[in-house]
Amino acid sequence: MNFKPWGGVTSPNLHNPELFRYLIHVDSGFNDPEVTSKRFFTDNISSINNPFRLSAQRRHWNDKPEQPPYISASLIDPQHRNLFVGGKHGLIIEAPREGILATSPTDILTASVKIHDKALILESNELLEATAEERYNEVVIRPELIVVRAIAYLNSAIYSHHLDGPSLEELERVSRSLSLPLIML
């Protein structure tokens, strides 16, 4: 897929720990001790690559079955490092502007509300300016337009008490097995 990524995101190949911007998808799968890190990443990559599968997964908990498939992510930079549910790891993704369904400087509660055509979409600079440093923002994206670029590990997430997650060594193994770079933030 060839497109200009929304958000002025940094290519993981050009990572600079003092100057970066990434769109990171986090899942709460590590609340379940049965979910291994390899399964977390392969399931999420598979869902992103197969919107029908994602739609079927969402039906079991989403009371709005008419909701289109979506992926939630957070836009982060050195001043805004918090992720959904206090995640310390996730997938660095890219999507074109037309793939962005909604943005918010706080949690949109996508499982509870219907995303519609007239949803607010802030530009990336506006979104980061409106996001409190101790909170996370939410970007809602159409999964069929997403490209997975890397695995992220945040060792400084403020809300990291929610999820223990995998060890760094486990993430390194998963990144090698999926041929994705591991970016330390």
N, C-alpha and C. Protein backbone atom coordinates (compact mmCIF):
# COMPACT_ATOMS: atom_id res chain seq x y z
N MET A 1 0.85 -1.16 0.00
CA MET A 1 0.00 0.00 0.00
C MET A 1 0.90 1.23 0.00
N ASN A 2 0.63 2.15 -0.91
CA ASN A 2 1.44 3.35 -1.02
C ASN A 2 0.56 4.57 -0.74
N PHE A 3 0.82 5.27 0.37
CA PHE A 3 0.02 6.44 0.71
C PHE A 3 0.84 7.33 1.63
N LYS A 4 0.33 8.56 1.82
CA LYS A 4 0.94 9.47 2.78
C LYS A 4 0.28 9.23 4.13
N PRO A 5 1.04 8.81 5.15
CA PRO A 5 0.45 8.52 6.45
C PRO A 5 -0.11 9.77 7.13
N TRP A 6 -1.27 9.61 7.79
CA TRP A 6 -1.85 10.69 8.58
C TRP A 6 -1.02 10.90 9.82
N GLY A 7 -0.96 12.10 10.29
CA GLY A 7 -0.40 12.40 11.61
C GLY A 7 1.05 12.84 11.64
N GLY A 8 1.69 12.92 10.48
CA GLY A 8 3.10 13.29 10.50
C GLY A 8 3.95 12.30 11.28
N VAL A 9 3.58 11.02 11.17
CA VAL A 9 4.26 9.98 11.95
C VAL A 9 5.67 9.73 11.46
N THR A 10 6.50 9.30 12.37
CA THR A 10 7.90 8.99 12.11
C THR A 10 8.01 7.57 11.55
N SER A 11 8.86 7.38 10.57
CA SER A 11 9.16 6.02 10.13
C SER A 11 9.97 5.34 11.22
N PRO A 12 9.59 4.11 11.62
CA PRO A 12 10.38 3.40 12.63
C PRO A 12 11.85 3.25 12.24
N ASN A 13 12.13 3.25 10.94
CA ASN A 13 13.52 3.14 10.47
C ASN A 13 14.33 4.39 10.80
N LEU A 14 13.64 5.50 11.09
CA LEU A 14 14.31 6.76 11.40
C LEU A 14 14.11 7.16 12.86
N HIS A 15 13.88 6.19 13.73
CA HIS A 15 13.55 6.48 15.12
C HIS A 15 14.62 7.31 15.82
N ASN A 16 14.15 8.36 16.48
CA ASN A 16 14.98 9.21 17.32
C ASN A 16 14.26 9.29 18.66
N PRO A 17 14.83 8.80 19.76
CA PRO A 17 14.12 8.76 21.03
C PRO A 17 13.73 10.13 21.59
N GLU A 18 14.30 11.19 21.05
CA GLU A 18 13.96 12.53 21.52
C GLU A 18 13.01 13.27 20.58
N LEU A 19 12.77 12.73 19.40
CA LEU A 19 11.92 13.39 18.43
C LEU A 19 11.22 12.32 17.58
N PHE A 20 10.00 11.98 17.96
CA PHE A 20 9.26 10.95 17.23
C PHE A 20 7.77 11.24 17.34
N ARG A 21 7.01 10.60 16.48
CA ARG A 21 5.55 10.62 16.54
C ARG A 21 5.08 9.31 15.94
N TYR A 22 4.32 8.52 16.75
CA TYR A 22 3.82 7.24 16.29
C TYR A 22 2.34 7.10 16.59
N LEU A 23 1.67 6.36 15.75
CA LEU A 23 0.29 5.94 15.97
C LEU A 23 0.38 4.50 16.45
N ILE A 24 -0.08 4.24 17.70
CA ILE A 24 0.12 2.92 18.28
C ILE A 24 -1.21 2.29 18.66
N HIS A 25 -1.43 1.08 18.15
CA HIS A 25 -2.62 0.29 18.49
C HIS A 25 -2.27 -0.62 19.65
N VAL A 26 -3.08 -0.54 20.70
CA VAL A 26 -2.91 -1.38 21.89
C VAL A 26 -4.20 -2.14 22.09
N ASP A 27 -4.09 -3.36 22.54
CA ASP A 27 -5.25 -4.17 22.85
C ASP A 27 -5.17 -4.55 24.31
N SER A 28 -6.30 -4.78 24.93
CA SER A 28 -6.28 -5.15 26.34
C SER A 28 -6.13 -6.66 26.54
N GLY A 29 -5.63 -7.36 25.55
CA GLY A 29 -5.50 -8.81 25.62
C GLY A 29 -4.67 -9.31 26.78
N PHE A 30 -3.74 -8.51 27.28
CA PHE A 30 -2.90 -8.99 28.38
C PHE A 30 -3.61 -8.93 29.73
N ASN A 31 -4.87 -8.50 29.75
CA ASN A 31 -5.65 -8.68 30.96
C ASN A 31 -5.99 -10.15 31.12
N ASP A 32 -5.88 -10.90 30.04
CA ASP A 32 -6.19 -12.32 30.03
C ASP A 32 -4.87 -13.10 30.10
N PRO A 33 -4.60 -13.79 31.20
CA PRO A 33 -3.32 -14.50 31.32
C PRO A 33 -3.13 -15.60 30.28
N GLU A 34 -4.20 -16.01 29.59
CA GLU A 34 -4.09 -17.04 28.57
C GLU A 34 -3.55 -16.49 27.25
N VAL A 35 -3.51 -15.16 27.11
CA VAL A 35 -3.07 -14.56 25.85
C VAL A 35 -1.56 -14.34 25.92
N THR A 36 -0.83 -15.01 25.06
CA THR A 36 0.62 -14.84 25.01
C THR A 36 0.94 -13.63 24.14
N SER A 37 2.14 -13.11 24.25
CA SER A 37 2.51 -11.94 23.44
C SER A 37 2.50 -12.28 21.96
N LYS A 38 2.96 -13.48 21.60
CA LYS A 38 2.95 -13.87 20.19
C LYS A 38 1.52 -13.89 19.67
N ARG A 39 0.60 -14.47 20.44
CA ARG A 39 -0.79 -14.52 20.02
C ARG A 39 -1.39 -13.12 19.95
N PHE A 40 -1.07 -12.26 20.91
CA PHE A 40 -1.55 -10.88 20.89
C PHE A 40 -1.19 -10.21 19.57
N PHE A 41 0.08 -10.27 19.20
CA PHE A 41 0.52 -9.57 18.00
C PHE A 41 0.01 -10.25 16.74
N THR A 42 0.06 -11.57 16.66
CA THR A 42 -0.41 -12.24 15.44
C THR A 42 -1.91 -12.08 15.28
N ASP A 43 -2.69 -12.16 16.39
CA ASP A 43 -4.13 -11.95 16.30
C ASP A 43 -4.45 -10.54 15.84
N ASN A 44 -3.75 -9.55 16.38
CA ASN A 44 -4.02 -8.18 16.00
C ASN A 44 -3.61 -7.89 14.57
N ILE A 45 -2.47 -8.40 14.15
CA ILE A 45 -2.06 -8.19 12.76
C ILE A 45 -3.05 -8.89 11.83
N SER A 46 -3.47 -10.09 12.18
CA SER A 46 -4.44 -10.82 11.38
C SER A 46 -5.76 -10.06 11.29
N SER A 47 -6.22 -9.48 12.41
CA SER A 47 -7.47 -8.72 12.41
C SER A 47 -7.36 -7.48 11.55
N ILE A 48 -6.22 -6.80 11.63
CA ILE A 48 -6.03 -5.60 10.82
C ILE A 48 -6.05 -5.97 9.34
N ASN A 49 -5.44 -7.09 9.01
CA ASN A 49 -5.39 -7.51 7.62
C ASN A 49 -6.69 -8.15 7.14
N ASN A 50 -7.62 -8.45 8.04
CA ASN A 50 -8.88 -9.08 7.67
C ASN A 50 -10.03 -8.38 8.41
N PRO A 51 -10.56 -7.28 7.84
CA PRO A 51 -11.62 -6.53 8.53
C PRO A 51 -12.85 -7.38 8.84
N PHE A 52 -13.17 -8.40 8.03
CA PHE A 52 -14.32 -9.24 8.32
C PHE A 52 -14.10 -9.98 9.64
N ARG A 53 -12.89 -10.50 9.85
CA ARG A 53 -12.57 -11.19 11.10
C ARG A 53 -12.68 -10.22 12.27
N LEU A 54 -12.17 -9.01 12.09
CA LEU A 54 -12.26 -8.00 13.14
C LEU A 54 -13.72 -7.70 13.45
N SER A 55 -14.54 -7.56 12.43
CA SER A 55 -15.96 -7.28 12.62
C SER A 55 -16.62 -8.39 13.43
N ALA A 56 -16.31 -9.64 13.12
CA ALA A 56 -16.89 -10.77 13.85
C ALA A 56 -16.43 -10.77 15.30
N GLN A 57 -15.15 -10.43 15.55
CA GLN A 57 -14.65 -10.37 16.93
C GLN A 57 -15.37 -9.30 17.72
N ARG A 58 -15.63 -8.16 17.10
CA ARG A 58 -16.26 -7.04 17.79
C ARG A 58 -17.72 -7.35 18.16
N ARG A 59 -18.40 -8.19 17.39
CA ARG A 59 -19.83 -8.45 17.62
C ARG A 59 -20.12 -9.05 18.98
N HIS A 60 -19.19 -9.81 19.54
CA HIS A 60 -19.48 -10.47 20.81
C HIS A 60 -19.53 -9.50 21.99
N TRP A 61 -18.96 -8.31 21.86
CA TRP A 61 -19.04 -7.37 22.97
C TRP A 61 -19.63 -6.03 22.59
N ASN A 62 -19.73 -5.74 21.32
CA ASN A 62 -20.23 -4.44 20.88
C ASN A 62 -21.75 -4.50 20.75
N ASP A 63 -22.46 -3.65 21.48
CA ASP A 63 -23.92 -3.65 21.40
C ASP A 63 -24.42 -2.86 20.20
N LYS A 64 -23.52 -2.43 19.34
CA LYS A 64 -23.89 -1.71 18.12
C LYS A 64 -23.35 -2.48 16.91
N PRO A 65 -24.02 -3.57 16.52
CA PRO A 65 -23.48 -4.39 15.43
C PRO A 65 -23.40 -3.65 14.10
N GLU A 66 -24.12 -2.52 13.97
CA GLU A 66 -24.04 -1.75 12.73
C GLU A 66 -22.75 -0.92 12.65
N GLN A 67 -22.01 -0.88 13.74
CA GLN A 67 -20.75 -0.15 13.78
C GLN A 67 -19.78 -0.78 12.78
N PRO A 68 -19.15 0.03 11.94
CA PRO A 68 -18.16 -0.56 11.02
C PRO A 68 -16.94 -1.05 11.80
N PRO A 69 -16.18 -1.99 11.24
CA PRO A 69 -14.95 -2.41 11.91
C PRO A 69 -14.02 -1.22 12.09
N TYR A 70 -13.30 -1.19 13.17
CA TYR A 70 -12.37 -0.11 13.43
C TYR A 70 -11.24 -0.61 14.30
N ILE A 71 -10.17 0.15 14.31
CA ILE A 71 -9.04 -0.07 15.20
C ILE A 71 -8.86 1.23 15.98
N SER A 72 -8.69 1.14 17.27
CA SER A 72 -8.37 2.32 18.08
C SER A 72 -6.86 2.38 18.28
N ALA A 73 -6.35 3.60 18.28
CA ALA A 73 -4.91 3.81 18.48
C ALA A 73 -4.72 5.11 19.24
N SER A 74 -3.50 5.35 19.68
CA SER A 74 -3.12 6.62 20.29
C SER A 74 -1.97 7.21 19.50
N LEU A 75 -2.03 8.52 19.31
CA LEU A 75 -0.93 9.25 18.68
C LEU A 75 -0.02 9.71 19.81
N ILE A 76 1.24 9.31 19.77
CA ILE A 76 2.18 9.66 20.84
C ILE A 76 3.38 10.41 20.29
N ASP A 77 4.01 11.16 21.19
CA ASP A 77 5.27 11.83 20.92
C ASP A 77 6.04 11.88 22.24
N PRO A 78 7.21 12.51 22.32
CA PRO A 78 7.96 12.48 23.58
C PRO A 78 7.20 13.06 24.78
N GLN A 79 6.27 13.99 24.57
CA GLN A 79 5.51 14.58 25.67
C GLN A 79 4.20 13.85 25.96
N HIS A 80 3.77 13.00 25.07
CA HIS A 80 2.49 12.28 25.20
C HIS A 80 2.76 10.80 24.94
N ARG A 81 3.07 10.04 25.99
CA ARG A 81 3.49 8.65 25.84
C ARG A 81 2.48 7.64 26.36
N ASN A 82 1.31 8.08 26.75
CA ASN A 82 0.35 7.15 27.33
C ASN A 82 -0.51 6.49 26.26
N LEU A 83 -0.81 5.22 26.51
CA LEU A 83 -1.60 4.42 25.59
C LEU A 83 -2.86 3.91 26.26
N PHE A 84 -3.82 3.50 25.45
CA PHE A 84 -5.08 2.93 25.92
C PHE A 84 -4.82 1.84 26.96
N VAL A 85 -5.65 1.79 27.97
CA VAL A 85 -5.58 0.87 29.11
C VAL A 85 -4.18 0.76 29.72
N GLY A 86 -3.42 1.84 29.62
CA GLY A 86 -2.11 1.84 30.25
C GLY A 86 -1.11 0.92 29.61
N GLY A 87 -1.31 0.62 28.35
CA GLY A 87 -0.43 -0.31 27.66
C GLY A 87 1.02 0.12 27.65
N LYS A 88 1.89 -0.85 27.67
CA LYS A 88 3.33 -0.61 27.56
C LYS A 88 3.88 -1.16 26.25
N HIS A 89 3.03 -1.70 25.43
CA HIS A 89 3.46 -2.28 24.17
C HIS A 89 2.31 -2.19 23.17
N GLY A 90 2.62 -2.28 21.90
CA GLY A 90 1.58 -2.25 20.88
C GLY A 90 2.18 -2.31 19.50
N LEU A 91 1.33 -2.10 18.51
CA LEU A 91 1.75 -2.10 17.12
C LEU A 91 1.86 -0.67 16.61
N ILE A 92 2.98 -0.32 16.05
CA ILE A 92 3.12 0.98 15.39
C ILE A 92 2.50 0.81 14.01
N ILE A 93 1.49 1.63 13.75
CA ILE A 93 0.73 1.52 12.50
C ILE A 93 0.74 2.85 11.75
N GLU A 94 0.36 2.78 10.50
CA GLU A 94 0.16 3.97 9.68
C GLU A 94 -1.15 3.81 8.94
N ALA A 95 -1.80 4.95 8.68
CA ALA A 95 -3.04 4.96 7.91
C ALA A 95 -3.13 6.29 7.17
N PRO A 96 -3.76 6.30 5.99
CA PRO A 96 -3.94 7.56 5.28
C PRO A 96 -5.04 8.39 5.93
N ARG A 97 -5.13 9.64 5.61
CA ARG A 97 -6.14 10.55 6.17
C ARG A 97 -7.55 10.00 5.98
N GLU A 98 -7.84 9.42 4.81
CA GLU A 98 -9.20 8.91 4.56
C GLU A 98 -9.54 7.69 5.41
N GLY A 99 -8.56 7.11 6.08
CA GLY A 99 -8.81 5.98 6.96
C GLY A 99 -9.15 6.39 8.38
N ILE A 100 -9.00 7.68 8.70
CA ILE A 100 -9.28 8.17 10.05
C ILE A 100 -10.77 8.44 10.18
N LEU A 101 -11.43 7.76 11.13
CA LEU A 101 -12.87 7.92 11.34
C LEU A 101 -13.19 8.97 12.40
N ALA A 102 -12.34 9.11 13.40
CA ALA A 102 -12.56 10.08 14.48
C ALA A 102 -11.28 10.23 15.29
N THR A 103 -11.15 11.37 15.97
CA THR A 103 -10.04 11.59 16.90
C THR A 103 -10.59 12.27 18.14
N SER A 104 -9.90 12.09 19.26
CA SER A 104 -10.30 12.74 20.49
C SER A 104 -9.10 12.83 21.44
N PRO A 105 -8.97 13.96 22.16
CA PRO A 105 -7.88 14.06 23.13
C PRO A 105 -8.10 13.21 24.38
N THR A 106 -9.26 12.54 24.45
CA THR A 106 -9.57 11.60 25.54
C THR A 106 -10.17 10.35 24.91
N ASP A 107 -10.49 9.38 25.73
CA ASP A 107 -11.10 8.13 25.25
C ASP A 107 -12.48 8.43 24.66
N ILE A 108 -12.73 8.00 23.43
CA ILE A 108 -14.02 8.20 22.75
C ILE A 108 -15.07 7.21 23.23
N LEU A 109 -14.64 6.12 23.86
CA LEU A 109 -15.54 5.04 24.27
C LEU A 109 -16.20 4.41 23.04
N THR A 110 -15.37 4.01 22.08
CA THR A 110 -15.87 3.48 20.82
C THR A 110 -16.76 2.27 20.97
N ALA A 111 -16.60 1.50 22.04
CA ALA A 111 -17.48 0.34 22.23
C ALA A 111 -18.89 0.77 22.61
N SER A 112 -19.05 2.03 23.07
CA SER A 112 -20.34 2.49 23.55
C SER A 112 -21.04 3.47 22.60
N VAL A 113 -20.30 4.06 21.69
CA VAL A 113 -20.91 5.06 20.80
C VAL A 113 -20.75 4.62 19.35
N LYS A 114 -21.61 5.13 18.51
CA LYS A 114 -21.50 4.83 17.08
C LYS A 114 -20.64 5.89 16.42
N ILE A 115 -19.61 5.46 15.72
CA ILE A 115 -18.78 6.38 14.95
C ILE A 115 -19.55 6.69 13.67
N HIS A 116 -19.65 7.95 13.33
CA HIS A 116 -20.44 8.35 12.17
C HIS A 116 -19.61 9.25 11.25
N ASP A 117 -20.19 9.53 10.08
CA ASP A 117 -19.48 10.30 9.05
C ASP A 117 -19.10 11.70 9.49
N LYS A 118 -19.81 12.26 10.43
CA LYS A 118 -19.54 13.63 10.85
C LYS A 118 -18.74 13.71 12.15
N ALA A 119 -18.04 12.64 12.49
CA ALA A 119 -17.23 12.62 13.71
C ALA A 119 -16.10 13.65 13.60
N LEU A 120 -15.71 14.19 14.73
CA LEU A 120 -14.64 15.17 14.79
C LEU A 120 -13.30 14.53 14.45
N ILE A 121 -12.58 15.16 13.54
CA ILE A 121 -11.23 14.70 13.21
C ILE A 121 -10.29 15.89 13.34
N LEU A 122 -9.54 15.89 14.43
CA LEU A 122 -8.54 16.92 14.65
C LEU A 122 -7.30 16.59 13.83
N GLU A 123 -6.60 17.61 13.38
CA GLU A 123 -5.30 17.37 12.77
C GLU A 123 -4.34 16.90 13.88
N SER A 124 -3.29 16.24 13.52
CA SER A 124 -2.41 15.62 14.52
C SER A 124 -1.83 16.62 15.52
N ASN A 125 -1.39 17.80 15.06
CA ASN A 125 -0.85 18.79 15.99
C ASN A 125 -1.92 19.26 16.97
N GLU A 126 -3.14 19.49 16.46
CA GLU A 126 -4.25 19.89 17.33
C GLU A 126 -4.56 18.80 18.36
N LEU A 127 -4.55 17.55 17.92
CA LEU A 127 -4.84 16.44 18.81
C LEU A 127 -3.82 16.37 19.94
N LEU A 128 -2.55 16.46 19.61
CA LEU A 128 -1.51 16.39 20.65
C LEU A 128 -1.57 17.60 21.58
N GLU A 129 -1.83 18.78 21.04
CA GLU A 129 -1.95 19.97 21.89
C GLU A 129 -3.11 19.84 22.87
N ALA A 130 -4.20 19.21 22.46
CA ALA A 130 -5.39 19.07 23.31
C ALA A 130 -5.29 17.89 24.29
N THR A 131 -4.31 17.01 24.11
CA THR A 131 -4.15 15.83 24.96
C THR A 131 -3.31 16.18 26.18
N ALA A 132 -3.86 15.97 27.37
CA ALA A 132 -3.10 16.19 28.60
C ALA A 132 -1.95 15.18 28.66
N GLU A 133 -0.80 15.63 29.16
CA GLU A 133 0.39 14.75 29.20
C GLU A 133 0.16 13.47 29.97
N GLU A 134 -0.69 13.49 30.98
CA GLU A 134 -0.91 12.29 31.81
C GLU A 134 -2.04 11.41 31.28
N ARG A 135 -2.64 11.76 30.15
CA ARG A 135 -3.76 11.01 29.57
C ARG A 135 -3.35 10.43 28.21
N TYR A 136 -4.23 9.66 27.61
CA TYR A 136 -4.02 9.18 26.25
C TYR A 136 -5.12 9.72 25.37
N ASN A 137 -4.82 9.84 24.09
CA ASN A 137 -5.83 10.25 23.11
C ASN A 137 -6.30 9.02 22.36
N GLU A 138 -7.32 9.20 21.53
CA GLU A 138 -7.81 8.07 20.73
C GLU A 138 -8.00 8.50 19.29
N VAL A 139 -7.51 7.66 18.40
CA VAL A 139 -7.70 7.82 16.97
C VAL A 139 -8.39 6.55 16.49
N VAL A 140 -9.54 6.71 15.84
CA VAL A 140 -10.31 5.56 15.37
C VAL A 140 -10.08 5.43 13.86
N ILE A 141 -9.70 4.23 13.43
CA ILE A 141 -9.21 4.03 12.06
C ILE A 141 -9.89 2.84 11.41
N ARG A 142 -10.15 2.96 10.11
CA ARG A 142 -10.66 1.84 9.32
C ARG A 142 -9.52 0.83 9.14
N PRO A 143 -9.71 -0.42 9.58
CA PRO A 143 -8.59 -1.37 9.58
C PRO A 143 -8.07 -1.75 8.20
N GLU A 144 -8.91 -1.71 7.19
CA GLU A 144 -8.45 -2.14 5.86
C GLU A 144 -7.44 -1.18 5.25
N LEU A 145 -7.25 0.00 5.85
CA LEU A 145 -6.29 0.97 5.32
C LEU A 145 -5.03 1.09 6.17
N ILE A 146 -4.88 0.23 7.16
CA ILE A 146 -3.74 0.29 8.07
C ILE A 146 -2.58 -0.56 7.56
N VAL A 147 -1.39 -0.06 7.80
CA VAL A 147 -0.16 -0.82 7.55
C VAL A 147 0.57 -0.92 8.89
N VAL A 148 0.97 -2.13 9.26
CA VAL A 148 1.74 -2.36 10.49
C VAL A 148 3.21 -2.15 10.17
N ARG A 149 3.88 -1.29 10.96
CA ARG A 149 5.28 -0.96 10.70
C ARG A 149 6.26 -1.52 11.73
N ALA A 150 5.83 -1.68 12.99
CA ALA A 150 6.78 -2.11 14.02
C ALA A 150 6.02 -2.48 15.29
N ILE A 151 6.76 -3.01 16.26
CA ILE A 151 6.25 -3.25 17.61
C ILE A 151 6.87 -2.19 18.50
N ALA A 152 6.06 -1.61 19.37
CA ALA A 152 6.55 -0.57 20.28
C ALA A 152 6.56 -1.10 21.70
N TYR A 153 7.57 -0.69 22.45
CA TYR A 153 7.65 -1.00 23.88
C TYR A 153 7.92 0.30 24.61
N LEU A 154 6.97 0.70 25.47
CA LEU A 154 7.12 1.93 26.24
C LEU A 154 7.53 1.57 27.65
N ASN A 155 8.72 1.95 28.04
CA ASN A 155 9.16 1.63 29.39
C ASN A 155 8.88 2.76 30.36
N SER A 156 8.12 3.78 29.92
CA SER A 156 7.85 4.91 30.81
C SER A 156 6.37 5.27 30.87
N ALA A 157 5.49 4.36 30.48
CA ALA A 157 4.06 4.68 30.49
C ALA A 157 3.58 4.93 31.91
N ILE A 158 2.90 6.04 32.12
CA ILE A 158 2.43 6.42 33.45
C ILE A 158 1.40 5.44 33.99
N TYR A 159 0.50 4.98 33.13
CA TYR A 159 -0.58 4.11 33.58
C TYR A 159 -0.23 2.63 33.44
N SER A 160 1.01 2.28 33.49
CA SER A 160 1.43 0.91 33.23
C SER A 160 0.96 -0.08 34.29
N HIS A 161 0.36 0.38 35.38
CA HIS A 161 -0.10 -0.55 36.40
C HIS A 161 -1.28 -1.39 35.93
N HIS A 162 -1.95 -1.00 34.85
CA HIS A 162 -3.10 -1.76 34.37
C HIS A 162 -2.69 -3.11 33.77
N LEU A 163 -1.59 -3.13 33.06
CA LEU A 163 -1.18 -4.34 32.35
C LEU A 163 0.27 -4.67 32.66
N ASP A 164 0.53 -5.92 32.98
CA ASP A 164 1.92 -6.31 33.16
C ASP A 164 2.59 -6.52 31.82
N GLY A 165 1.92 -7.25 30.95
CA GLY A 165 2.44 -7.46 29.61
C GLY A 165 3.66 -8.35 29.57
N PRO A 166 4.18 -8.53 28.39
CA PRO A 166 5.33 -9.40 28.20
C PRO A 166 6.62 -8.72 28.63
N SER A 167 7.62 -9.54 28.85
CA SER A 167 8.95 -8.99 29.16
C SER A 167 9.56 -8.46 27.87
N LEU A 168 10.58 -7.66 28.03
CA LEU A 168 11.30 -7.13 26.88
C LEU A 168 11.87 -8.28 26.05
N GLU A 169 12.40 -9.31 26.70
CA GLU A 169 12.97 -10.45 25.98
C GLU A 169 11.90 -11.14 25.13
N GLU A 170 10.70 -11.26 25.69
CA GLU A 170 9.62 -11.89 24.93
C GLU A 170 9.24 -11.04 23.71
N LEU A 171 9.17 -9.73 23.89
CA LEU A 171 8.87 -8.84 22.76
C LEU A 171 9.96 -8.92 21.69
N GLU A 172 11.20 -9.04 22.11
CA GLU A 172 12.29 -9.19 21.13
C GLU A 172 12.11 -10.46 20.31
N ARG A 173 11.74 -11.57 20.97
CA ARG A 173 11.51 -12.82 20.24
C ARG A 173 10.35 -12.67 19.25
N VAL A 174 9.27 -12.04 19.70
CA VAL A 174 8.10 -11.87 18.84
C VAL A 174 8.45 -10.96 17.66
N SER A 175 9.18 -9.90 17.91
CA SER A 175 9.52 -8.99 16.81
C SER A 175 10.36 -9.70 15.75
N ARG A 176 11.29 -10.54 16.20
CA ARG A 176 12.10 -11.31 15.23
C ARG A 176 11.22 -12.30 14.45
N SER A 177 10.32 -12.99 15.16
CA SER A 177 9.51 -14.00 14.48
C SER A 177 8.51 -13.37 13.50
N LEU A 178 8.09 -12.14 13.75
CA LEU A 178 7.16 -11.47 12.84
C LEU A 178 7.88 -10.54 11.86
N SER A 179 9.19 -10.48 11.94
CA SER A 179 10.01 -9.62 11.07
C SER A 179 9.57 -8.16 11.17
N LEU A 180 9.31 -7.71 12.39
CA LEU A 180 8.97 -6.32 12.64
C LEU A 180 10.00 -5.72 13.58
N PRO A 181 10.45 -4.48 13.31
CA PRO A 181 11.38 -3.87 14.25
C PRO A 181 10.73 -3.64 15.62
N LEU A 182 11.53 -3.67 16.66
CA LEU A 182 11.08 -3.36 18.01
C LEU A 182 11.62 -1.98 18.36
N ILE A 183 10.71 -1.05 18.63
CA ILE A 183 11.10 0.33 18.94
C ILE A 183 10.93 0.56 20.44
N MET A 184 12.00 0.96 21.09
CA MET A 184 11.97 1.24 22.53
C MET A 184 11.66 2.72 22.72
N LEU A 185 10.64 2.98 23.52
CA LEU A 185 10.24 4.37 23.77
C LEU A 185 10.34 4.69 25.24
